[in-house]
Amino acid sequence: MAWGAVKKETMMEMLPSVLLRHEGYGEGHFDWLLGEPGVVYDGDEEKRLWTWRIDVGSDAWEMGKEYAMVRNFDHRARYLSYEGEISGGRGEVRQVDKGVHEVEEWGEGRIVTRIDFEKFEGIAEIRCIKGEIWGVVFKEG
């Protein structure tokens, strides 16, 4: 999606989101995938989700604390349900949490979305710090 403010009226959709544990390729980490407003995730495994690398899993996310994330390449929708080895010797992934999110704001370098995972519920305020470096703060809501 090209950056630009997305109007609130177009964001009342529940979008998919998943948190994956990625092991066996560099340091172990989590990949957080967020569905993008305006994209219909209808089973087409080639559609893309915004993805960040984060070092802390949802069971340890604390309200009010900022976590650093690195923007990764957009991952295919097949990872919403896939667990196992990744081709090309890039390790393996397993789901550690999943659910939906509802975007409140999706604009230039800033995303605010309500997360409804199995292990976590709250508001994520995501912002671009510089280049591929992003931060997220979780809040009650």
C-alpha atoms as a PDB file:
ATOM      1  CA  MET A   1       0.000   0.000   0.000  1.00  0.00           C
ATOM      2  CA  ALA A   2       1.302   3.424  -0.833  1.00  0.00           C
ATOM      3  CA  TRP A   3       1.619   5.594   2.223  1.00  0.00           C
ATOM      4  CA  GLY A   4      -1.073   8.118   2.747  1.00  0.00           C
ATOM      5  CA  ALA A   5      -3.798   8.609   5.264  1.00  0.00           C
ATOM      6  CA  VAL A   6      -6.485   5.969   5.122  1.00  0.00           C
ATOM      7  CA  LYS A   7      -9.914   7.221   6.099  1.00  0.00           C
ATOM      8  CA  LYS A   8     -11.483   5.796   9.246  1.00  0.00           C
ATOM      9  CA  GLU A   9     -14.598   4.691   7.322  1.00  0.00           C
ATOM     10  CA  THR A  10     -12.513   2.303   5.220  1.00  0.00           C
ATOM     11  CA  MET A  11     -10.818   0.737   8.226  1.00  0.00           C
ATOM     12  CA  MET A  12     -13.657  -0.914  10.095  1.00  0.00           C
ATOM     13  CA  GLU A  13     -12.621  -4.288   8.734  1.00  0.00           C
ATOM     14  CA  MET A  14     -11.105  -7.085  10.769  1.00  0.00           C
ATOM     15  CA  LEU A  15      -7.794  -8.028   9.204  1.00  0.00           C
ATOM     16  CA  PRO A  16      -5.658 -11.105   9.839  1.00  0.00           C
ATOM     17  CA  SER A  17      -2.550 -11.042  11.987  1.00  0.00           C
ATOM     18  CA  VAL A  18      -0.153 -13.716  13.193  1.00  0.00           C
ATOM     19  CA  LEU A  19       2.994 -13.877  15.302  1.00  0.00           C
ATOM     20  CA  LEU A  20       5.518 -16.499  14.202  1.00  0.00           C
ATOM     21  CA  ARG A  21       8.570 -17.815  16.016  1.00  0.00           C
ATOM     22  CA  HIS A  22      11.390 -18.059  13.462  1.00  0.00           C
ATOM     23  CA  GLU A  23      14.298 -20.359  14.392  1.00  0.00           C
ATOM     24  CA  GLY A  24      17.314 -21.778  12.598  1.00  0.00           C
ATOM     25  CA  TYR A  25      18.219 -18.757  10.499  1.00  0.00           C
ATOM     26  CA  GLY A  26      20.345 -16.267  12.414  1.00  0.00           C
ATOM     27  CA  GLU A  27      19.195 -15.440  15.909  1.00  0.00           C
ATOM     28  CA  GLY A  28      15.756 -16.705  16.852  1.00  0.00           C
ATOM     29  CA  HIS A  29      13.119 -13.990  16.665  1.00  0.00           C
ATOM     30  CA  PHE A  30       9.426 -13.350  16.072  1.00  0.00           C
ATOM     31  CA  ASP A  31       7.879 -12.259  12.771  1.00  0.00           C
ATOM     32  CA  TRP A  32       4.738 -10.174  13.255  1.00  0.00           C
ATOM     33  CA  LEU A  33       2.465 -10.081  10.202  1.00  0.00           C
ATOM     34  CA  LEU A  34      -0.369  -7.556   9.823  1.00  0.00           C
ATOM     35  CA  GLY A  35      -3.002  -7.587   7.107  1.00  0.00           C
ATOM     36  CA  GLU A  36      -3.213  -4.362   5.139  1.00  0.00           C
ATOM     37  CA  PRO A  37      -6.371  -2.207   4.880  1.00  0.00           C
ATOM     38  CA  GLY A  38      -8.183  -2.622   1.575  1.00  0.00           C
ATOM     39  CA  VAL A  39      -6.711  -6.065   0.840  1.00  0.00           C
ATOM     40  CA  VAL A  40      -9.203  -8.931   0.914  1.00  0.00           C
ATOM     41  CA  TYR A  41      -7.536 -12.017   2.384  1.00  0.00           C
ATOM     42  CA  ASP A  42      -9.773 -14.585   0.729  1.00  0.00           C
ATOM     43  CA  GLY A  43      -7.551 -17.649   0.742  1.00  0.00           C
ATOM     44  CA  ASP A  44      -5.163 -16.349  -1.923  1.00  0.00           C
ATOM     45  CA  GLU A  45      -1.851 -17.370  -0.339  1.00  0.00           C
ATOM     46  CA  GLU A  46       0.133 -14.958  -2.528  1.00  0.00           C
ATOM     47  CA  LYS A  47      -1.394 -11.774  -1.053  1.00  0.00           C
ATOM     48  CA  ARG A  48       1.032  -9.921   1.173  1.00  0.00           C
ATOM     49  CA  LEU A  49       1.066  -8.820   4.806  1.00  0.00           C
ATOM     50  CA  TRP A  50       3.215  -6.124   6.370  1.00  0.00           C
ATOM     51  CA  THR A  51       5.912  -7.828   8.441  1.00  0.00           C
ATOM     52  CA  TRP A  52       8.252  -6.789  11.232  1.00  0.00           C
ATOM     53  CA  ARG A  53      10.915  -8.672  13.158  1.00  0.00           C
ATOM     54  CA  ILE A  54      10.485  -8.276  16.914  1.00  0.00           C
ATOM     55  CA  ASP A  55      12.490  -9.937  19.680  1.00  0.00           C
ATOM     56  CA  VAL A  56       9.664 -10.316  22.224  1.00  0.00           C
ATOM     57  CA  GLY A  57       6.608 -12.568  21.917  1.00  0.00           C
ATOM     58  CA  SER A  58       3.050 -11.470  22.673  1.00  0.00           C
ATOM     59  CA  ASP A  59       2.984 -13.341  25.987  1.00  0.00           C
ATOM     60  CA  ALA A  60       5.634 -10.880  27.258  1.00  0.00           C
ATOM     61  CA  TRP A  61       4.346  -7.633  25.704  1.00  0.00           C
ATOM     62  CA  GLU A  62       3.899  -5.028  28.449  1.00  0.00           C
ATOM     63  CA  MET A  63       1.531  -2.087  28.280  1.00  0.00           C
ATOM     64  CA  GLY A  64       3.280   1.260  27.929  1.00  0.00           C
ATOM     65  CA  LYS A  65       6.690  -0.189  27.043  1.00  0.00           C
ATOM     66  CA  GLU A  66       8.241   0.519  23.642  1.00  0.00           C
ATOM     67  CA  TYR A  67       9.734  -2.366  21.667  1.00  0.00           C
ATOM     68  CA  ALA A  68      12.075  -2.006  18.726  1.00  0.00           C
ATOM     69  CA  MET A  69      11.112  -3.724  15.473  1.00  0.00           C
ATOM     70  CA  VAL A  70      12.764  -4.069  12.088  1.00  0.00           C
ATOM     71  CA  ARG A  71      10.593  -3.774   9.001  1.00  0.00           C
ATOM     72  CA  ASN A  72      10.979  -6.948   6.994  1.00  0.00           C
ATOM     73  CA  PHE A  73       9.848  -7.781   3.476  1.00  0.00           C
ATOM     74  CA  ASP A  74       6.108  -8.372   3.155  1.00  0.00           C
ATOM     75  CA  HIS A  75       5.289 -12.022   3.800  1.00  0.00           C
ATOM     76  CA  ARG A  76       2.807 -14.083   1.816  1.00  0.00           C
ATOM     77  CA  ALA A  77      -0.600 -14.833   3.313  1.00  0.00           C
ATOM     78  CA  ARG A  78       0.273 -18.544   3.360  1.00  0.00           C
ATOM     79  CA  TYR A  79       2.118 -17.799   6.637  1.00  0.00           C
ATOM     80  CA  LEU A  80      -1.213 -17.070   8.309  1.00  0.00           C
ATOM     81  CA  SER A  81      -1.593 -20.833   8.689  1.00  0.00           C
ATOM     82  CA  TYR A  82       1.790 -22.331   7.724  1.00  0.00           C
ATOM     83  CA  GLU A  83       4.142 -23.912  10.237  1.00  0.00           C
ATOM     84  CA  GLY A  84       7.296 -25.790   9.317  1.00  0.00           C
ATOM     85  CA  GLU A  85      10.513 -25.506   7.351  1.00  0.00           C
ATOM     86  CA  ILE A  86      11.133 -22.565   5.059  1.00  0.00           C
ATOM     87  CA  SER A  87      12.609 -23.233   1.629  1.00  0.00           C
ATOM     88  CA  GLY A  88      16.212 -22.348   0.877  1.00  0.00           C
ATOM     89  CA  GLY A  89      17.511 -23.419   4.296  1.00  0.00           C
ATOM     90  CA  ARG A  90      16.039 -20.363   6.021  1.00  0.00           C
ATOM     91  CA  GLY A  91      15.020 -22.175   9.188  1.00  0.00           C
ATOM     92  CA  GLU A  92      11.504 -22.904  10.332  1.00  0.00           C
ATOM     93  CA  VAL A  93       8.496 -21.054  11.716  1.00  0.00           C
ATOM     94  CA  ARG A  94       5.741 -21.913  14.132  1.00  0.00           C
ATOM     95  CA  GLN A  95       2.726 -19.894  15.202  1.00  0.00           C
ATOM     96  CA  VAL A  96       2.830 -18.553  18.734  1.00  0.00           C
ATOM     97  CA  ASP A  97      -0.205 -16.267  18.546  1.00  0.00           C
ATOM     98  CA  LYS A  98      -2.835 -15.291  16.028  1.00  0.00           C
ATOM     99  CA  GLY A  99      -6.033 -13.378  15.598  1.00  0.00           C
ATOM    100  CA  VAL A 100      -7.242 -10.197  13.964  1.00  0.00           C
ATOM    101  CA  HIS A 101      -6.558  -6.496  14.098  1.00  0.00           C
ATOM    102  CA  GLU A 102      -8.688  -3.451  13.351  1.00  0.00           C
ATOM    103  CA  VAL A 103      -6.863  -0.404  12.029  1.00  0.00           C
ATOM    104  CA  GLU A 104      -7.637   2.974  13.564  1.00  0.00           C
ATOM    105  CA  GLU A 105      -4.936   4.864  11.661  1.00  0.00           C
ATOM    106  CA  TRP A 106      -2.676   3.836   8.766  1.00  0.00           C
ATOM    107  CA  GLY A 107      -0.612   6.759   7.555  1.00  0.00           C
ATOM    108  CA  GLU A 108       2.861   7.965   6.684  1.00  0.00           C
ATOM    109  CA  GLY A 109       5.161   6.145   9.094  1.00  0.00           C
ATOM    110  CA  ARG A 110       2.434   5.521  11.690  1.00  0.00           C
ATOM    111  CA  ILE A 111      -0.071   2.738  12.304  1.00  0.00           C
ATOM    112  CA  VAL A 112      -2.524   2.477  15.178  1.00  0.00           C
ATOM    113  CA  THR A 113      -4.428  -0.778  15.375  1.00  0.00           C
ATOM    114  CA  ARG A 114      -6.468  -2.751  17.891  1.00  0.00           C
ATOM    115  CA  ILE A 115      -5.018  -6.256  18.352  1.00  0.00           C
ATOM    116  CA  ASP A 116      -7.220  -9.215  19.284  1.00  0.00           C
ATOM    117  CA  PHE A 117      -4.897 -12.224  19.624  1.00  0.00           C
ATOM    118  CA  GLU A 118      -5.426 -15.411  21.599  1.00  0.00           C
ATOM    119  CA  LYS A 119      -2.770 -14.339  24.166  1.00  0.00           C
ATOM    120  CA  PHE A 120      -2.898 -10.548  23.879  1.00  0.00           C
ATOM    121  CA  GLU A 121      -5.455  -7.778  23.486  1.00  0.00           C
ATOM    122  CA  GLY A 122      -4.702  -4.095  23.245  1.00  0.00           C
ATOM    123  CA  ILE A 123      -3.836  -1.176  21.021  1.00  0.00           C
ATOM    124  CA  ALA A 124      -0.555  -1.149  19.121  1.00  0.00           C
ATOM    125  CA  GLU A 125       0.885   2.237  18.211  1.00  0.00           C
ATOM    126  CA  ILE A 126       3.511   1.529  15.557  1.00  0.00           C
ATOM    127  CA  ARG A 127       5.815   4.219  14.199  1.00  0.00           C
ATOM    128  CA  CYS A 128       8.740   4.438  11.856  1.00  0.00           C
ATOM    129  CA  ILE A 129      11.806   5.708  13.684  1.00  0.00           C
ATOM    130  CA  LYS A 130      14.271   5.756  10.788  1.00  0.00           C
ATOM    131  CA  GLY A 131      14.397   3.655   7.642  1.00  0.00           C
ATOM    132  CA  GLU A 132      13.649   0.048   8.528  1.00  0.00           C
ATOM    133  CA  ILE A 133      13.749   0.712  12.296  1.00  0.00           C
ATOM    134  CA  TRP A 134      10.297   0.934  13.836  1.00  0.00           C
ATOM    135  CA  GLY A 135       8.926   1.029  17.363  1.00  0.00           C
ATOM    136  CA  VAL A 136       5.704  -0.225  18.896  1.00  0.00           C
ATOM    137  CA  VAL A 137       4.026   0.723  22.154  1.00  0.00           C
ATOM    138  CA  PHE A 138       1.122  -1.370  23.431  1.00  0.00           C
ATOM    139  CA  LYS A 139      -1.737   0.272  25.338  1.00  0.00           C
ATOM    140  CA  GLU A 140      -4.930  -0.853  27.007  1.00  0.00           C
ATOM    141  CA  GLY A 141      -7.952  -0.721  24.808  1.00  0.00           C
END
